[in-house]
Structure formats: structure tokens, C-alpha cells
Amino acid sequence: MKSIKEQPGERSIYIWNICGSIVNALFSVVALMIVTRFLDDREADIFSIAWTISQLMATVGTFQIRVYQATDVQGTFLFRHYLIFRIVTVAAMIVSSAAYIVVRGYTGEKALVVLVVCLFRAVDSLADVYEGWFQQKERLDLSGKALTYRVILAAAGFACGLIFTKNLLVSCAILFGVYLFCFVIYDLRYHMAVERFRDVPDGRDRSGWFGNMFREGLPLFINAFLIMSILNEPKMVIDTAIANGEMSAGIQTVFNILFMPASVLNLAYIVFRPMITQMAIVWNRGEKRRFLKILGKIIGYLLAISIVLMIGSALLGIPVLSIVYAVDLSAYKSELLVIMVGGCVYTFAAVLDNALVVLRRQYVLVIAYALTWIYIMLTAAWLVGEWAVMGASLAYCTAMAVYLLLTAVLFVSSYRRKSGEV
């Protein structure tokens, strides 16, 4: 435990943060890759939609408190407050998952797979509150370690389940079990081992903390739920079309495979996660120029990476994806490029989104999310109906363009207003 208790160097923190971010982002890629190699199109579609729904339900489980928690450098809430609140939201997530399954009319194997995958995501949501606390205490190395070990072991267990049983439900149950086990031996163990993670009474009156945290997190939750609904809507339209016999089995899996690379730039942004806390620190000091400098540096890095990603996608995207997933995607090059543009646009909007949280103006983002949600709800079904996978790609890409435009306007207006108050 000695190495855990000791404060690591910046290099160790960045390396482990990068490792955790990368393996977490690759988890869905690897999981779907394994599924497509060992199961048929119908079961691959079931897993794809289960993963999609679990991501939506995770917004309920986390209530999007992580960014607020990581930037709570003034200690507005104690760890036990964050933990109790998270237990409540995870319980709400489980209930919501069961209700969603009923509303969608899922039965049999599909219903059970969706539920178990949502339970796996519930464990992830609970672990997130510990990892958010590690981040606030500038120990992202422990967050990275816990996430890295948990994902690698869970992926290995899931793969072994599919290889030896060829049963999707059993494999998902193994995934859930391994995730729960790793949460206990890593996140809980790390928290108990480091004295710095203990709550220290400071005499401040924190009565009514639950209501205060709910109010602070509600805009973030609404925003996250809406954006996940926006991202998922093309997939849900495809799911309905397959159920109605309007699309063939396997189309959901094809779209999910094409959608995988869209998160690559967002992964690159996650690598810069420590800079979010730095932005909060300099902003609270009233250092507006340094705040903008850090923000500009993040955007500049991401712009350079996005150019490389688009060139790589055009040249190697389809061949690589076809080999990795053992699925012929040669007819979908244009769809991939449209999705990649949407993914890059989304990441830039997410940067401004997080910057607004630092400014504590997160509640205005509801405007951007709500209008974008209305847009995709009005257009997704029509676009998919007209152009199938290309329609789903266009629905996603254009929705992200609307989201970026609205977020940029909100950030500029909020910065001008808040900078006069710092």
C-alpha cells in the first residue's frame, strides 16, 4: 500500500490517466468486436442496443456530478455527501432501466441482456464517484489504475464467457460480476488506504446538502440525458425499424461499428482531463487570461488531432473496421466520414460544455440540449426512413452541428457576463 499512499509525480498521473481513458474508450470497441465474431447478427444487434441503452441509463446513475465534483476545489461538499447522493441515483438508474425495458416492449433474452448490461453500467456509475474524488484530490493515477484494471479484467471475462459458452446472457452476467469484484478490490481499497481521502470536518454548515447537490447537478443531468438521447436516437430508430421488419438484422451492428471511431477525438479530450481542474483553479483566482489560454490550448490540440483523424478515416477507416469486426463495410465509406465529422464537432462542443461548468453556468446548457433534442426528434425517423444508414449518419452529424453552434453562443455570452464578476 506504500505506493498508493505516496503522492506520485506528474508523469505517473498523466500516464495512468491516459491508460484508464484509452482502455475505457476501447472497451465498447473490443466488446462489440468479440460479439460479432462469436454470435449471429440478431444477437449482435441485441448487444448493440443493450450497450446503447445502458449508456443512456448511466446518465441517471452518475447524475453528471463527476465534472462538478472534480472542480469542487473549494470543498462545497464532502465525499460522504457525493457517495450517498450517488447511491440514491444508482438506485434510480436500476428502476429506470427496468421501466425502460417495459416501455420499449422488450421480452425474453433481449430484456434480460439489456437489464444485466445496465447493472454492469450501474457498478461503473458507483465507481465513478470514487474516481471523481481521487481526481479532486489530484490522484488521477489511482482513478486511471482502478479503471484500467477493471476494464481489462472485465473484457477478459466477457471474452471467455463468449468463447466457452457462446451465450450472450451468461457472458453479460460475467461482465457484471467481474466489474463488481474489481470495484471492491480497487476503488474501495484505494479509498480506504489513503488518509488524504478522508473527510475532514471544517466547521462549515452543510445542512441541506442533498437539495443543494441536486440543484447543482440537475442541469448537468438534464443536459447529459438529452445529449445521450440525441446520440442514441438514430440507433433507437434503427432498432424500431428492425423490430417492424423494415430493416434486416445486422444493420444495427453495422451502424454501431461505424459509430465507434466517432469517440476517438473525445478520447483525446479525456486525456486532457486534468486541465479541467486547472481551469477551475485559475478561474476562481480571477485569472481570466490563463483560463482562456488553457481553453485555447485544449481546442488547438484537438483541432490538430481531428485533421489527422479525418485523413486517417478516409484512407484506412473502412478497411481497418472491416478487418477488426469481420464485417464487410465497403459500402459505407461515406457514412463513416459523415459520422467522423459529427464526432469531431461533438468533442469541440463538449469542451465548451465543460468550460461552462467551470463558470458555474451549466444550467444555460439546457437551452442547447433541448433545442438539439427537438431537432433530432423531428428529423431522425425521416432521415433514416429515406436513406437508411446514411440517414442515421446525417441525423447525428447535423444534430452535433446544431449543438456546437448553440453551445458556442452560450459560452461567449456567459463568459462576458461572468468575467465582470470575478
Protein backbone atom coordinates (compact mmCIF):
# COMPACT_ATOMS: atom_id res chain seq x y z
CA MET A 1 0.00 0.00 0.00
CA LYS A 2 3.01 2.29 0.32
CA SER A 3 3.00 3.23 -3.35
CA ILE A 4 -0.69 4.02 -3.17
CA LYS A 5 -0.27 6.36 -0.23
CA GLU A 6 2.64 8.27 -1.71
CA GLN A 7 1.94 11.28 -3.91
CA PRO A 8 3.14 10.33 -7.44
CA GLY A 9 4.87 12.58 -9.92
CA GLU A 10 3.02 14.35 -12.71
CA ARG A 11 4.32 11.85 -15.25
CA SER A 12 2.78 8.92 -13.39
CA ILE A 13 -0.53 10.77 -13.04
CA TYR A 14 -0.72 11.54 -16.76
CA ILE A 15 0.32 8.05 -17.82
CA TRP A 16 -2.27 6.31 -15.67
CA ASN A 17 -4.95 8.82 -16.63
CA ILE A 18 -4.20 8.17 -20.29
CA CYS A 19 -4.22 4.39 -19.78
CA GLY A 20 -7.56 4.48 -18.00
CA SER A 21 -9.09 6.76 -20.61
CA ILE A 22 -7.85 4.65 -23.52
CA VAL A 23 -8.92 1.25 -22.19
CA ASN A 24 -12.31 2.63 -21.18
CA ALA A 25 -12.89 4.10 -24.63
CA LEU A 26 -11.74 0.88 -26.29
CA PHE A 27 -13.96 -1.29 -24.11
CA SER A 28 -17.05 -0.93 -26.29
CA VAL A 29 -14.91 -1.44 -29.40
CA VAL A 30 -13.44 -4.69 -28.08
CA ALA A 31 -16.74 -5.95 -26.67
CA LEU A 32 -18.58 -5.48 -29.97
CA MET A 33 -15.64 -6.96 -31.88
CA ILE A 34 -15.85 -10.13 -29.78
CA VAL A 35 -19.63 -10.31 -30.17
CA THR A 36 -19.53 -10.01 -33.96
CA ARG A 37 -17.01 -12.85 -34.18
CA PHE A 38 -18.83 -15.36 -31.96
CA LEU A 39 -22.55 -14.56 -32.29
CA ASP A 40 -25.01 -14.10 -35.15
CA ASP A 41 -26.46 -10.82 -36.46
CA ARG A 42 -29.57 -10.99 -34.26
CA GLU A 43 -27.62 -11.37 -31.02
CA ALA A 44 -25.07 -8.76 -32.11
CA ASP A 45 -27.95 -6.33 -32.63
CA ILE A 46 -29.28 -7.15 -29.15
CA PHE A 47 -25.91 -6.45 -27.56
CA SER A 48 -25.52 -3.22 -29.55
CA ILE A 49 -28.86 -1.84 -28.41
CA ALA A 50 -28.27 -3.04 -24.82
CA TRP A 51 -24.98 -1.15 -24.73
CA THR A 52 -26.69 1.93 -26.16
CA ILE A 53 -29.49 1.87 -23.58
CA SER A 54 -27.02 1.31 -20.72
CA GLN A 55 -25.17 4.47 -21.73
CA LEU A 56 -28.42 6.41 -21.56
CA MET A 57 -29.26 4.94 -18.15
CA ALA A 58 -25.76 5.75 -16.89
CA THR A 59 -26.66 9.43 -17.08
CA VAL A 60 -29.25 8.72 -14.38
CA GLY A 61 -26.70 6.77 -12.32
CA THR A 62 -23.99 9.43 -12.36
CA PHE A 63 -26.37 12.40 -12.45
CA GLN A 64 -23.36 14.02 -14.19
CA ILE A 65 -21.92 15.11 -10.86
CA ARG A 66 -18.38 13.99 -11.85
CA VAL A 67 -17.32 17.25 -13.50
CA TYR A 68 -18.75 19.33 -10.65
CA GLN A 69 -17.09 17.03 -8.09
CA ALA A 70 -13.71 17.20 -9.82
CA THR A 71 -13.87 21.01 -9.92
CA ASP A 72 -15.17 21.41 -6.36
CA VAL A 73 -11.81 22.82 -5.24
CA GLN A 74 -13.46 24.91 -2.52
CA GLY A 75 -14.90 21.84 -0.79
CA THR A 76 -18.57 22.72 -1.08
CA PHE A 77 -19.50 19.08 -0.41
CA LEU A 78 -17.78 16.26 1.47
CA PHE A 79 -17.08 12.84 -0.02
CA ARG A 80 -19.80 11.17 2.04
CA HIS A 81 -22.28 13.61 0.51
CA TYR A 82 -21.21 12.65 -3.00
CA LEU A 83 -21.33 8.94 -2.10
CA ILE A 84 -24.81 8.99 -0.51
CA PHE A 85 -26.13 11.02 -3.40
CA ARG A 86 -24.62 8.56 -5.89
CA ILE A 87 -26.14 5.54 -4.14
CA VAL A 88 -29.56 7.19 -4.50
CA THR A 89 -29.04 7.97 -8.20
CA VAL A 90 -27.75 4.46 -8.94
CA ALA A 91 -30.87 3.00 -7.32
CA ALA A 92 -32.95 5.32 -9.51
CA MET A 93 -30.95 4.13 -12.52
CA ILE A 94 -31.80 0.48 -11.86
CA VAL A 95 -35.50 1.27 -11.52
CA SER A 96 -35.40 3.42 -14.67
CA SER A 97 -33.69 0.63 -16.61
CA ALA A 98 -36.42 -1.84 -15.72
CA ALA A 99 -39.10 0.70 -16.63
CA TYR A 100 -37.42 1.48 -19.97
CA ILE A 101 -37.35 -2.21 -20.87
CA VAL A 102 -41.09 -2.43 -20.23
CA VAL A 103 -41.84 0.73 -22.21
CA ARG A 104 -39.83 -0.50 -25.21
CA GLY A 105 -41.70 -3.80 -25.09
CA TYR A 106 -38.60 -5.96 -24.78
CA THR A 107 -39.13 -9.54 -23.63
CA GLY A 108 -37.17 -12.76 -23.17
CA GLU A 109 -33.45 -12.77 -23.87
CA LYS A 110 -33.39 -9.20 -25.14
CA ALA A 111 -34.98 -7.84 -21.95
CA LEU A 112 -32.59 -9.79 -19.70
CA VAL A 113 -29.48 -8.80 -21.65
CA VAL A 114 -30.46 -5.12 -21.55
CA LEU A 115 -31.08 -5.32 -17.79
CA VAL A 116 -27.79 -7.08 -17.00
CA VAL A 117 -25.77 -4.66 -19.13
CA CYS A 118 -27.49 -1.78 -17.31
CA LEU A 119 -26.50 -3.38 -13.98
CA PHE A 120 -22.89 -3.52 -15.17
CA ARG A 121 -23.16 0.17 -16.00
CA ALA A 122 -24.63 0.83 -12.53
CA VAL A 123 -21.45 -0.54 -10.93
CA ASP A 124 -19.44 1.72 -13.23
CA SER A 125 -21.53 4.69 -12.08
CA LEU A 126 -20.85 3.87 -8.43
CA ALA A 127 -17.11 3.51 -9.07
CA ASP A 128 -17.17 6.90 -10.79
CA VAL A 129 -17.89 8.75 -7.53
CA TYR A 130 -14.71 7.33 -6.01
CA GLU A 131 -12.67 8.11 -9.10
CA GLY A 132 -14.08 11.64 -9.16
CA TRP A 133 -12.90 12.06 -5.57
CA PHE A 134 -9.44 10.77 -6.48
CA GLN A 135 -9.38 13.35 -9.28
CA GLN A 136 -10.38 16.20 -6.97
CA LYS A 137 -7.55 15.21 -4.64
CA GLU A 138 -5.16 15.26 -7.62
CA ARG A 139 -4.71 11.48 -7.62
CA LEU A 140 -5.82 10.71 -11.17
CA ASP A 141 -3.21 7.96 -11.14
CA LEU A 142 -5.48 5.94 -8.83
CA SER A 143 -8.52 6.69 -10.98
CA GLY A 144 -6.58 5.51 -14.01
CA LYS A 145 -5.33 2.37 -12.30
CA ALA A 146 -8.76 1.36 -11.00
CA LEU A 147 -10.36 1.95 -14.40
CA THR A 148 -7.59 0.21 -16.34
CA TYR A 149 -7.60 -2.94 -14.21
CA ARG A 150 -11.40 -3.08 -14.05
CA VAL A 151 -11.91 -2.77 -17.80
CA ILE A 152 -9.15 -5.20 -18.78
CA LEU A 153 -10.33 -7.91 -16.39
CA ALA A 154 -13.98 -7.39 -17.32
CA ALA A 155 -13.21 -7.55 -21.04
CA ALA A 156 -11.23 -10.76 -20.49
CA GLY A 157 -14.10 -12.29 -18.52
CA PHE A 158 -16.64 -11.27 -21.14
CA ALA A 159 -14.50 -12.72 -23.93
CA CYS A 160 -14.00 -16.01 -22.09
CA GLY A 161 -17.74 -16.21 -21.48
CA LEU A 162 -18.48 -15.84 -25.20
CA ILE A 163 -15.73 -18.20 -26.29
CA PHE A 164 -16.68 -21.03 -23.96
CA THR A 165 -20.47 -20.66 -23.68
CA LYS A 166 -21.47 -18.83 -26.90
CA ASN A 167 -24.26 -17.43 -24.71
CA LEU A 168 -24.75 -13.65 -24.69
CA LEU A 169 -26.72 -13.51 -21.43
CA VAL A 170 -24.20 -15.62 -19.48
CA SER A 171 -21.32 -13.55 -20.85
CA CYS A 172 -23.02 -10.29 -19.82
CA ALA A 173 -23.58 -11.72 -16.32
CA ILE A 174 -19.84 -12.49 -16.12
CA LEU A 175 -19.11 -8.93 -17.23
CA PHE A 176 -21.27 -7.59 -14.40
CA GLY A 177 -19.70 -9.91 -11.82
CA VAL A 178 -16.12 -9.05 -12.74
CA TYR A 179 -16.89 -5.32 -12.71
CA LEU A 180 -18.40 -5.56 -9.23
CA PHE A 181 -15.41 -7.55 -7.95
CA CYS A 182 -12.91 -5.06 -9.37
CA PHE A 183 -14.81 -2.12 -7.90
CA VAL A 184 -14.35 -3.62 -4.44
CA ILE A 185 -10.67 -4.57 -4.72
CA TYR A 186 -9.55 -1.38 -6.46
CA ASP A 187 -11.78 1.67 -5.86
CA LEU A 188 -12.84 0.78 -2.32
CA ARG A 189 -9.38 -0.43 -1.37
CA TYR A 190 -7.69 2.71 -2.68
CA HIS A 191 -10.12 4.94 -0.83
CA MET A 192 -9.56 3.18 2.48
CA ALA A 193 -5.78 3.15 2.09
CA VAL A 194 -5.11 6.86 1.54
CA GLU A 195 -5.51 9.13 4.55
CA ARG A 196 -5.87 12.19 2.33
CA PHE A 197 -9.19 10.86 1.02
CA ARG A 198 -10.83 11.07 4.45
CA ASP A 199 -13.42 13.75 5.09
CA VAL A 200 -12.02 16.42 7.40
CA PRO A 201 -14.58 18.45 9.41
CA ASP A 202 -14.03 22.15 8.83
CA GLY A 203 -16.89 23.59 10.84
CA ARG A 204 -18.83 24.72 7.77
CA ASP A 205 -22.60 24.45 7.83
CA ARG A 206 -23.62 21.97 5.13
CA SER A 207 -27.21 21.44 6.18
CA GLY A 208 -29.48 20.86 3.21
CA TRP A 209 -26.55 19.49 1.21
CA PHE A 210 -28.69 16.91 -0.63
CA GLY A 211 -31.02 19.54 -2.03
CA ASN A 212 -28.11 21.79 -2.89
CA MET A 213 -26.29 18.99 -4.72
CA PHE A 214 -29.47 18.05 -6.53
CA ARG A 215 -29.91 21.63 -7.72
CA GLU A 216 -26.29 21.85 -8.84
CA GLY A 217 -26.43 18.54 -10.66
CA LEU A 218 -29.92 18.77 -12.16
CA PRO A 219 -28.92 20.94 -15.13
CA LEU A 220 -25.95 18.65 -15.77
CA PHE A 221 -28.16 15.58 -15.58
CA ILE A 222 -30.80 17.02 -17.89
CA ASN A 223 -28.08 18.03 -20.31
CA ALA A 224 -26.41 14.60 -20.23
CA PHE A 225 -29.69 12.74 -20.57
CA LEU A 226 -30.70 14.90 -23.51
CA ILE A 227 -27.33 14.60 -25.29
CA MET A 228 -27.29 10.83 -24.80
CA SER A 229 -30.85 10.70 -26.13
CA ILE A 230 -29.68 12.74 -29.11
CA LEU A 231 -26.71 10.42 -29.74
CA ASN A 232 -28.89 7.33 -29.34
CA GLU A 233 -31.92 8.41 -31.34
CA PRO A 234 -30.65 7.18 -34.75
CA LYS A 235 -29.89 3.80 -33.11
CA MET A 236 -33.32 3.63 -31.49
CA VAL A 237 -34.98 4.42 -34.83
CA ILE A 238 -32.98 1.60 -36.43
CA ASP A 239 -33.98 -0.73 -33.55
CA THR A 240 -37.66 0.02 -34.16
CA ALA A 241 -37.26 -0.45 -37.92
CA ILE A 242 -35.63 -3.87 -37.41
CA ALA A 243 -38.40 -4.92 -34.98
CA ASN A 244 -41.02 -3.88 -37.57
CA GLY A 245 -39.26 -5.80 -40.35
CA GLU A 246 -38.35 -2.61 -42.24
CA MET A 247 -34.60 -3.28 -41.92
CA SER A 248 -32.68 -6.53 -41.89
CA ALA A 249 -30.85 -7.97 -38.88
CA GLY A 250 -27.29 -6.73 -38.65
CA ILE A 251 -27.94 -3.11 -39.64
CA GLN A 252 -27.85 -2.01 -36.01
CA THR A 253 -24.46 -3.64 -35.61
CA VAL A 254 -23.17 -2.03 -38.82
CA PHE A 255 -24.19 1.44 -37.63
CA ASN A 256 -22.67 0.84 -34.19
CA ILE A 257 -19.39 -0.27 -35.79
CA LEU A 258 -19.30 2.87 -37.95
CA PHE A 259 -20.14 4.92 -34.87
CA MET A 260 -17.22 3.57 -32.82
CA PRO A 261 -14.48 5.83 -34.29
CA ALA A 262 -16.61 8.92 -33.62
CA SER A 263 -15.47 8.85 -29.99
CA VAL A 264 -11.74 8.89 -30.80
CA LEU A 265 -11.38 12.68 -30.59
CA ASN A 266 -13.45 12.67 -27.41
CA LEU A 267 -10.95 10.15 -26.05
CA ALA A 268 -8.15 12.58 -26.86
CA TYR A 269 -10.03 15.24 -24.91
CA ILE A 270 -10.36 12.94 -21.91
CA VAL A 271 -6.56 12.74 -21.85
CA PHE A 272 -6.60 16.48 -21.07
CA ARG A 273 -8.99 15.94 -18.14
CA PRO A 274 -6.56 17.31 -15.51
CA MET A 275 -6.69 20.64 -17.33
CA ILE A 276 -10.37 20.98 -16.35
CA THR A 277 -9.39 21.20 -12.70
CA GLN A 278 -6.62 23.67 -13.63
CA MET A 279 -9.19 25.82 -15.42
CA ALA A 280 -11.36 25.84 -12.29
CA ILE A 281 -8.41 26.85 -10.09
CA VAL A 282 -7.30 29.79 -12.26
CA TRP A 283 -10.87 30.94 -12.79
CA ASN A 284 -11.52 31.04 -9.05
CA ARG A 285 -8.36 33.12 -8.69
CA GLY A 286 -9.73 35.60 -11.20
CA GLU A 287 -7.04 34.80 -13.79
CA LYS A 288 -9.21 35.20 -16.86
CA ARG A 289 -6.35 35.24 -19.37
CA ARG A 290 -4.91 31.97 -18.06
CA PHE A 291 -8.39 30.45 -18.17
CA LEU A 292 -8.75 31.34 -21.85
CA LYS A 293 -5.18 30.24 -22.57
CA ILE A 294 -5.84 26.76 -21.17
CA LEU A 295 -9.12 26.55 -23.07
CA GLY A 296 -7.44 27.67 -26.29
CA LYS A 297 -4.65 25.14 -25.83
CA ILE A 298 -7.17 22.30 -25.48
CA ILE A 299 -9.07 23.39 -28.59
CA GLY A 300 -5.83 23.79 -30.58
CA TYR A 301 -4.64 20.30 -29.72
CA LEU A 302 -7.99 18.80 -30.57
CA LEU A 303 -8.19 20.64 -33.89
CA ALA A 304 -4.83 19.22 -34.96
CA ILE A 305 -5.84 15.72 -33.89
CA SER A 306 -9.20 15.99 -35.71
CA ILE A 307 -7.45 16.76 -39.01
CA VAL A 308 -5.28 13.67 -38.64
CA LEU A 309 -8.34 11.59 -37.73
CA MET A 310 -10.31 12.66 -40.79
CA ILE A 311 -7.42 11.88 -43.14
CA GLY A 312 -6.90 8.51 -41.45
CA SER A 313 -10.61 7.69 -41.63
CA ALA A 314 -10.74 8.48 -45.34
CA LEU A 315 -7.71 6.31 -46.14
CA LEU A 316 -7.88 3.47 -43.63
CA GLY A 317 -11.20 3.66 -41.78
CA ILE A 318 -13.32 1.14 -43.68
CA PRO A 319 -10.57 -1.45 -44.33
CA VAL A 320 -9.49 -1.43 -40.67
CA LEU A 321 -13.03 -1.63 -39.30
CA SER A 322 -13.89 -4.45 -41.70
CA ILE A 323 -10.90 -6.48 -40.54
CA VAL A 324 -11.39 -5.74 -36.84
CA TYR A 325 -15.07 -6.66 -36.77
CA ALA A 326 -15.03 -9.30 -39.52
CA VAL A 327 -17.89 -7.46 -41.25
CA ASP A 328 -17.87 -6.19 -44.84
CA LEU A 329 -18.27 -2.42 -44.59
CA SER A 330 -17.00 -1.47 -48.05
CA ALA A 331 -20.34 0.13 -48.98
CA TYR A 332 -20.28 2.53 -46.02
CA LYS A 333 -17.26 4.82 -46.52
CA SER A 334 -19.34 7.98 -46.95
CA GLU A 335 -21.39 7.16 -43.87
CA LEU A 336 -18.22 6.73 -41.81
CA LEU A 337 -16.83 10.11 -42.86
CA VAL A 338 -20.12 11.86 -42.05
CA ILE A 339 -20.14 10.24 -38.60
CA MET A 340 -16.49 11.22 -38.00
CA VAL A 341 -17.27 14.85 -38.78
CA GLY A 342 -20.12 14.67 -36.29
CA GLY A 343 -17.83 13.12 -33.68
CA CYS A 344 -15.25 15.87 -34.02
CA VAL A 345 -17.90 18.58 -33.84
CA TYR A 346 -19.34 16.96 -30.71
CA THR A 347 -15.97 16.99 -28.95
CA PHE A 348 -15.47 20.71 -29.55
CA ALA A 349 -18.94 21.35 -28.17
CA ALA A 350 -18.10 19.19 -25.14
CA VAL A 351 -15.05 21.37 -24.42
CA LEU A 352 -17.23 24.48 -24.26
CA ASP A 353 -19.77 22.48 -22.24
CA ASN A 354 -17.17 21.70 -19.56
CA ALA A 355 -15.92 25.28 -19.63
CA LEU A 356 -19.44 26.45 -18.81
CA VAL A 357 -19.45 24.08 -15.83
CA VAL A 358 -16.25 25.73 -14.58
CA LEU A 359 -18.01 29.09 -14.92
CA ARG A 360 -20.89 27.51 -12.95
CA ARG A 361 -23.24 28.41 -15.78
CA GLN A 362 -24.11 24.79 -16.58
CA TYR A 363 -27.83 25.44 -16.30
CA VAL A 364 -27.89 27.54 -19.50
CA LEU A 365 -26.77 24.46 -21.44
CA VAL A 366 -30.29 23.12 -21.11
CA ILE A 367 -31.20 25.50 -23.91
CA ALA A 368 -28.63 23.98 -26.29
CA TYR A 369 -29.52 20.40 -25.43
CA ALA A 370 -33.27 20.92 -25.56
CA LEU A 371 -33.19 22.60 -28.97
CA THR A 372 -30.82 19.96 -30.36
CA TRP A 373 -33.02 17.19 -28.93
CA ILE A 374 -36.10 18.72 -30.59
CA TYR A 375 -34.18 18.91 -33.88
CA ILE A 376 -33.15 15.25 -33.95
CA MET A 377 -36.54 14.02 -32.76
CA LEU A 378 -38.13 15.83 -35.68
CA THR A 379 -35.62 14.66 -38.30
CA ALA A 380 -34.12 11.26 -37.32
CA ALA A 381 -37.04 8.99 -38.28
CA TRP A 382 -37.47 10.76 -41.62
CA LEU A 383 -33.74 10.70 -42.44
CA VAL A 384 -33.38 7.02 -41.54
CA GLY A 385 -36.53 6.18 -43.47
CA GLU A 386 -35.22 7.95 -46.56
CA TRP A 387 -31.53 6.99 -46.54
CA ALA A 388 -31.16 4.15 -44.01
CA VAL A 389 -27.62 4.11 -42.53
CA MET A 390 -26.65 7.33 -44.34
CA GLY A 391 -29.79 8.93 -42.92
CA ALA A 392 -28.80 7.90 -39.40
CA SER A 393 -25.31 9.31 -40.00
CA LEU A 394 -26.70 12.61 -41.25
CA ALA A 395 -29.10 12.84 -38.31
CA TYR A 396 -26.17 12.52 -35.90
CA CYS A 397 -23.80 14.87 -37.74
CA THR A 398 -26.28 17.69 -38.29
CA ALA A 399 -27.51 17.44 -34.70
CA MET A 400 -23.94 17.87 -33.47
CA ALA A 401 -23.53 20.95 -35.67
CA VAL A 402 -26.65 22.47 -34.10
CA TYR A 403 -25.32 21.59 -30.64
CA LEU A 404 -21.90 23.20 -31.25
CA LEU A 405 -23.42 26.40 -32.62
CA LEU A 406 -25.75 26.81 -29.65
CA THR A 407 -23.05 25.94 -27.09
CA ALA A 408 -20.60 28.44 -28.60
CA VAL A 409 -23.16 31.22 -28.36
CA LEU A 410 -23.93 30.34 -24.74
CA PHE A 411 -20.26 30.18 -23.76
CA VAL A 412 -19.40 33.57 -25.24
CA SER A 413 -22.37 35.27 -23.60
CA SER A 414 -21.73 33.54 -20.25
CA TYR A 415 -18.02 34.37 -20.24
CA ARG A 416 -18.70 38.03 -20.89
CA ARG A 417 -21.23 38.10 -18.09
CA LYS A 418 -19.18 36.16 -15.52
CA SER A 419 -15.81 37.76 -16.27
CA GLY A 420 -17.18 41.02 -14.93
CA GLU A 421 -17.99 39.32 -11.62
CA VAL A 422 -14.65 37.56 -11.00
